[in-house]
Amino acid sequence: MDRESRAAAEAVVRELVADRPPADAALALAELATKAVAELQRLARQQADAHRGREQWGAWAKLANVARKGVLDLASCRDAAREVQLRRGE
């Protein structure tokens, strides 16, 4: 990722959490991470299918597998953030 793209991504994250209570910010970040990794997994899976039988297939398949694990882990993260948000008044 080039410097400009990295700065844009960081700006999106900062804007997402700006002026939010911590529990709301945590849930917003968990939702963003879940959506981003799900999109990465979809893209990688499509590319692995498109490159089947070619040299690039292994790299795309590896990325799809790792991203799939990330999707599962981030679902748990999102659930935990929802629990934090629900329990913030306790």
N, C-alpha and C. Protein backbone atom coordinates (compact mmCIF):
# COMPACT_ATOMS: atom_id res chain seq x y z
N MET A 1 0.86 -1.17 0.00
CA MET A 1 0.00 0.00 0.00
C MET A 1 0.90 1.23 0.00
N ASP A 2 0.60 2.15 -0.87
CA ASP A 2 1.41 3.36 -0.90
C ASP A 2 1.02 4.29 0.24
N ARG A 3 1.84 5.27 0.43
CA ARG A 3 1.64 6.20 1.56
C ARG A 3 0.29 6.90 1.49
N GLU A 4 -0.12 7.30 0.29
CA GLU A 4 -1.39 8.00 0.13
C GLU A 4 -2.57 7.10 0.48
N SER A 5 -2.54 5.86 0.04
CA SER A 5 -3.61 4.92 0.35
C SER A 5 -3.66 4.62 1.84
N ARG A 6 -2.49 4.46 2.45
CA ARG A 6 -2.43 4.20 3.89
C ARG A 6 -3.01 5.37 4.67
N ALA A 7 -2.67 6.59 4.26
CA ALA A 7 -3.19 7.78 4.93
C ALA A 7 -4.71 7.87 4.77
N ALA A 8 -5.22 7.50 3.60
CA ALA A 8 -6.66 7.53 3.38
C ALA A 8 -7.36 6.51 4.27
N ALA A 9 -6.78 5.32 4.39
CA ALA A 9 -7.36 4.29 5.25
C ALA A 9 -7.36 4.74 6.71
N GLU A 10 -6.26 5.34 7.14
CA GLU A 10 -6.19 5.83 8.51
C GLU A 10 -7.21 6.94 8.76
N ALA A 11 -7.43 7.79 7.77
CA ALA A 11 -8.42 8.85 7.90
C ALA A 11 -9.83 8.27 8.04
N VAL A 12 -10.12 7.23 7.29
CA VAL A 12 -11.44 6.58 7.39
C VAL A 12 -11.65 6.04 8.81
N VAL A 13 -10.62 5.41 9.35
CA VAL A 13 -10.72 4.84 10.70
C VAL A 13 -10.89 5.96 11.72
N ARG A 14 -10.09 7.00 11.63
CA ARG A 14 -10.21 8.11 12.59
C ARG A 14 -11.60 8.75 12.51
N GLU A 15 -12.11 8.94 11.30
CA GLU A 15 -13.43 9.54 11.13
C GLU A 15 -14.52 8.64 11.71
N LEU A 16 -14.35 7.34 11.53
CA LEU A 16 -15.33 6.38 12.02
C LEU A 16 -15.49 6.44 13.54
N VAL A 17 -14.40 6.65 14.25
CA VAL A 17 -14.45 6.62 15.71
C VAL A 17 -14.53 8.01 16.35
N ALA A 18 -14.37 9.04 15.56
CA ALA A 18 -14.36 10.41 16.10
C ALA A 18 -15.67 10.70 16.84
N ASP A 19 -15.52 11.24 18.02
CA ASP A 19 -16.65 11.69 18.83
C ASP A 19 -17.63 10.59 19.22
N ARG A 20 -17.19 9.35 19.16
CA ARG A 20 -18.05 8.24 19.61
C ARG A 20 -17.60 7.80 21.00
N PRO A 21 -18.52 7.38 21.82
CA PRO A 21 -18.13 6.75 23.08
C PRO A 21 -17.31 5.48 22.77
N PRO A 22 -16.43 5.09 23.67
CA PRO A 22 -15.56 3.94 23.41
C PRO A 22 -16.30 2.66 22.99
N ALA A 23 -17.41 2.35 23.61
CA ALA A 23 -18.14 1.13 23.25
C ALA A 23 -18.69 1.22 21.82
N ASP A 24 -19.18 2.39 21.44
CA ASP A 24 -19.67 2.57 20.08
C ASP A 24 -18.53 2.52 19.07
N ALA A 25 -17.40 3.12 19.43
CA ALA A 25 -16.23 3.11 18.55
C ALA A 25 -15.73 1.68 18.36
N ALA A 26 -15.72 0.90 19.43
CA ALA A 26 -15.27 -0.49 19.34
C ALA A 26 -16.14 -1.28 18.38
N LEU A 27 -17.44 -1.11 18.49
CA LEU A 27 -18.36 -1.83 17.60
C LEU A 27 -18.19 -1.36 16.16
N ALA A 28 -18.06 -0.06 15.95
CA ALA A 28 -17.88 0.46 14.59
C ALA A 28 -16.59 -0.10 13.97
N LEU A 29 -15.52 -0.15 14.74
CA LEU A 29 -14.27 -0.70 14.23
C LEU A 29 -14.38 -2.19 13.94
N ALA A 30 -15.05 -2.91 14.81
CA ALA A 30 -15.24 -4.35 14.59
C ALA A 30 -16.07 -4.59 13.34
N GLU A 31 -17.09 -3.79 13.13
CA GLU A 31 -17.91 -3.91 11.92
C GLU A 31 -17.09 -3.61 10.67
N LEU A 32 -16.31 -2.55 10.72
CA LEU A 32 -15.47 -2.19 9.57
C LEU A 32 -14.47 -3.29 9.26
N ALA A 33 -13.81 -3.79 10.29
CA ALA A 33 -12.82 -4.85 10.09
C ALA A 33 -13.47 -6.10 9.50
N THR A 34 -14.65 -6.45 10.00
CA THR A 34 -15.37 -7.62 9.50
C THR A 34 -15.70 -7.45 8.02
N LYS A 35 -16.23 -6.29 7.66
CA LYS A 35 -16.60 -6.03 6.26
C LYS A 35 -15.36 -6.04 5.37
N ALA A 36 -14.28 -5.42 5.83
CA ALA A 36 -13.06 -5.34 5.01
C ALA A 36 -12.46 -6.72 4.77
N VAL A 37 -12.38 -7.54 5.80
CA VAL A 37 -11.79 -8.87 5.64
C VAL A 37 -12.71 -9.78 4.86
N ALA A 38 -14.01 -9.63 5.00
CA ALA A 38 -14.95 -10.42 4.19
C ALA A 38 -14.78 -10.07 2.71
N GLU A 39 -14.60 -8.80 2.41
CA GLU A 39 -14.37 -8.39 1.02
C GLU A 39 -13.04 -8.93 0.51
N LEU A 40 -12.01 -8.91 1.35
CA LEU A 40 -10.72 -9.48 0.97
C LEU A 40 -10.85 -10.96 0.68
N GLN A 41 -11.58 -11.67 1.50
CA GLN A 41 -11.76 -13.10 1.30
C GLN A 41 -12.52 -13.38 0.00
N ARG A 42 -13.54 -12.58 -0.29
CA ARG A 42 -14.30 -12.73 -1.53
C ARG A 42 -13.41 -12.50 -2.74
N LEU A 43 -12.64 -11.44 -2.71
CA LEU A 43 -11.73 -11.12 -3.81
C LEU A 43 -10.69 -12.22 -4.01
N ALA A 44 -10.08 -12.66 -2.91
CA ALA A 44 -9.04 -13.69 -3.00
C ALA A 44 -9.61 -15.00 -3.52
N ARG A 45 -10.80 -15.36 -3.07
CA ARG A 45 -11.43 -16.59 -3.55
C ARG A 45 -11.72 -16.51 -5.05
N GLN A 46 -12.23 -15.36 -5.50
CA GLN A 46 -12.49 -15.18 -6.93
C GLN A 46 -11.20 -15.28 -7.74
N GLN A 47 -10.14 -14.67 -7.24
CA GLN A 47 -8.87 -14.69 -7.95
C GLN A 47 -8.26 -16.10 -7.93
N ALA A 48 -8.39 -16.80 -6.84
CA ALA A 48 -7.90 -18.18 -6.78
C ALA A 48 -8.62 -19.02 -7.82
N ASP A 49 -9.93 -18.86 -7.92
CA ASP A 49 -10.69 -19.60 -8.93
C ASP A 49 -10.24 -19.22 -10.34
N ALA A 50 -9.99 -17.94 -10.56
CA ALA A 50 -9.59 -17.47 -11.88
C ALA A 50 -8.18 -17.94 -12.27
N HIS A 51 -7.33 -18.17 -11.26
CA HIS A 51 -5.94 -18.56 -11.52
C HIS A 51 -5.68 -20.05 -11.30
N ARG A 52 -6.74 -20.82 -11.14
CA ARG A 52 -6.57 -22.25 -10.91
C ARG A 52 -5.72 -22.88 -12.01
N GLY A 53 -4.72 -23.66 -11.59
CA GLY A 53 -3.84 -24.32 -12.53
C GLY A 53 -2.67 -23.48 -12.99
N ARG A 54 -2.60 -22.24 -12.53
CA ARG A 54 -1.50 -21.35 -12.90
C ARG A 54 -0.64 -21.05 -11.68
N GLU A 55 0.48 -20.45 -11.93
CA GLU A 55 1.47 -20.19 -10.87
C GLU A 55 0.90 -19.34 -9.73
N GLN A 56 0.06 -18.37 -10.03
CA GLN A 56 -0.48 -17.46 -9.01
C GLN A 56 -1.54 -18.10 -8.12
N TRP A 57 -2.06 -19.26 -8.53
CA TRP A 57 -3.16 -19.87 -7.79
C TRP A 57 -2.83 -20.07 -6.32
N GLY A 58 -1.65 -20.60 -6.02
CA GLY A 58 -1.29 -20.91 -4.64
C GLY A 58 -1.31 -19.69 -3.73
N ALA A 59 -0.78 -18.58 -4.22
CA ALA A 59 -0.76 -17.36 -3.41
C ALA A 59 -2.17 -16.85 -3.15
N TRP A 60 -3.02 -16.86 -4.20
CA TRP A 60 -4.40 -16.41 -4.02
C TRP A 60 -5.17 -17.36 -3.10
N ALA A 61 -4.96 -18.65 -3.25
CA ALA A 61 -5.66 -19.62 -2.40
C ALA A 61 -5.23 -19.46 -0.95
N LYS A 62 -3.94 -19.24 -0.73
CA LYS A 62 -3.44 -19.03 0.63
C LYS A 62 -4.09 -17.79 1.24
N LEU A 63 -4.14 -16.71 0.46
CA LEU A 63 -4.77 -15.48 0.95
C LEU A 63 -6.25 -15.71 1.26
N ALA A 64 -6.95 -16.43 0.40
CA ALA A 64 -8.37 -16.72 0.64
C ALA A 64 -8.56 -17.51 1.93
N ASN A 65 -7.69 -18.49 2.17
CA ASN A 65 -7.80 -19.31 3.38
C ASN A 65 -7.52 -18.50 4.64
N VAL A 66 -6.48 -17.69 4.60
CA VAL A 66 -6.15 -16.87 5.77
C VAL A 66 -7.25 -15.84 6.03
N ALA A 67 -7.76 -15.24 4.96
CA ALA A 67 -8.83 -14.26 5.11
C ALA A 67 -10.10 -14.92 5.67
N ARG A 68 -10.36 -16.15 5.26
CA ARG A 68 -11.54 -16.87 5.78
C ARG A 68 -11.42 -17.05 7.29
N LYS A 69 -10.22 -17.41 7.75
CA LYS A 69 -9.99 -17.51 9.19
C LYS A 69 -10.23 -16.15 9.85
N GLY A 70 -9.76 -15.10 9.18
CA GLY A 70 -9.97 -13.75 9.71
C GLY A 70 -11.44 -13.40 9.82
N VAL A 71 -12.23 -13.80 8.84
CA VAL A 71 -13.67 -13.54 8.87
C VAL A 71 -14.29 -14.21 10.11
N LEU A 72 -13.90 -15.44 10.35
CA LEU A 72 -14.43 -16.17 11.51
C LEU A 72 -14.00 -15.52 12.82
N ASP A 73 -12.71 -15.17 12.91
CA ASP A 73 -12.22 -14.51 14.12
C ASP A 73 -12.88 -13.16 14.33
N LEU A 74 -13.05 -12.41 13.26
CA LEU A 74 -13.66 -11.09 13.39
C LEU A 74 -15.14 -11.16 13.72
N ALA A 75 -15.80 -12.23 13.37
CA ALA A 75 -17.20 -12.40 13.79
C ALA A 75 -17.26 -12.49 15.31
N SER A 76 -16.30 -13.19 15.90
CA SER A 76 -16.23 -13.27 17.36
C SER A 76 -15.88 -11.91 17.96
N CYS A 77 -15.00 -11.19 17.30
CA CYS A 77 -14.62 -9.85 17.75
C CYS A 77 -15.84 -8.92 17.72
N ARG A 78 -16.59 -8.98 16.64
CA ARG A 78 -17.79 -8.15 16.51
C ARG A 78 -18.81 -8.52 17.59
N ASP A 79 -18.97 -9.80 17.86
CA ASP A 79 -19.89 -10.23 18.92
C ASP A 79 -19.45 -9.70 20.28
N ALA A 80 -18.15 -9.74 20.54
CA ALA A 80 -17.63 -9.22 21.81
C ALA A 80 -17.85 -7.71 21.90
N ALA A 81 -17.66 -6.99 20.80
CA ALA A 81 -17.89 -5.55 20.80
C ALA A 81 -19.36 -5.23 21.03
N ARG A 82 -20.23 -6.05 20.47
CA ARG A 82 -21.67 -5.86 20.73
C ARG A 82 -21.99 -6.07 22.20
N GLU A 83 -21.37 -7.06 22.80
CA GLU A 83 -21.59 -7.30 24.23
C GLU A 83 -21.09 -6.13 25.07
N VAL A 84 -19.93 -5.60 24.71
CA VAL A 84 -19.41 -4.41 25.41
C VAL A 84 -20.41 -3.27 25.29
N GLN A 85 -20.95 -3.08 24.11
CA GLN A 85 -21.92 -2.00 23.91
C GLN A 85 -23.19 -2.23 24.72
N LEU A 86 -23.67 -3.46 24.75
CA LEU A 86 -24.88 -3.76 25.52
C LEU A 86 -24.68 -3.58 27.02
N ARG A 87 -23.48 -3.87 27.50
CA ARG A 87 -23.21 -3.83 28.94
C ARG A 87 -22.63 -2.51 29.42
N ARG A 88 -22.53 -1.52 28.55
CA ARG A 88 -21.90 -0.27 28.94
C ARG A 88 -22.66 0.47 30.03
N GLY A 89 -23.97 0.21 30.15
CA GLY A 89 -24.76 0.88 31.18
C GLY A 89 -24.76 0.17 32.50
N GLU A 90 -24.17 -1.01 32.57
CA GLU A 90 -24.20 -1.80 33.82
C GLU A 90 -23.20 -1.28 34.82
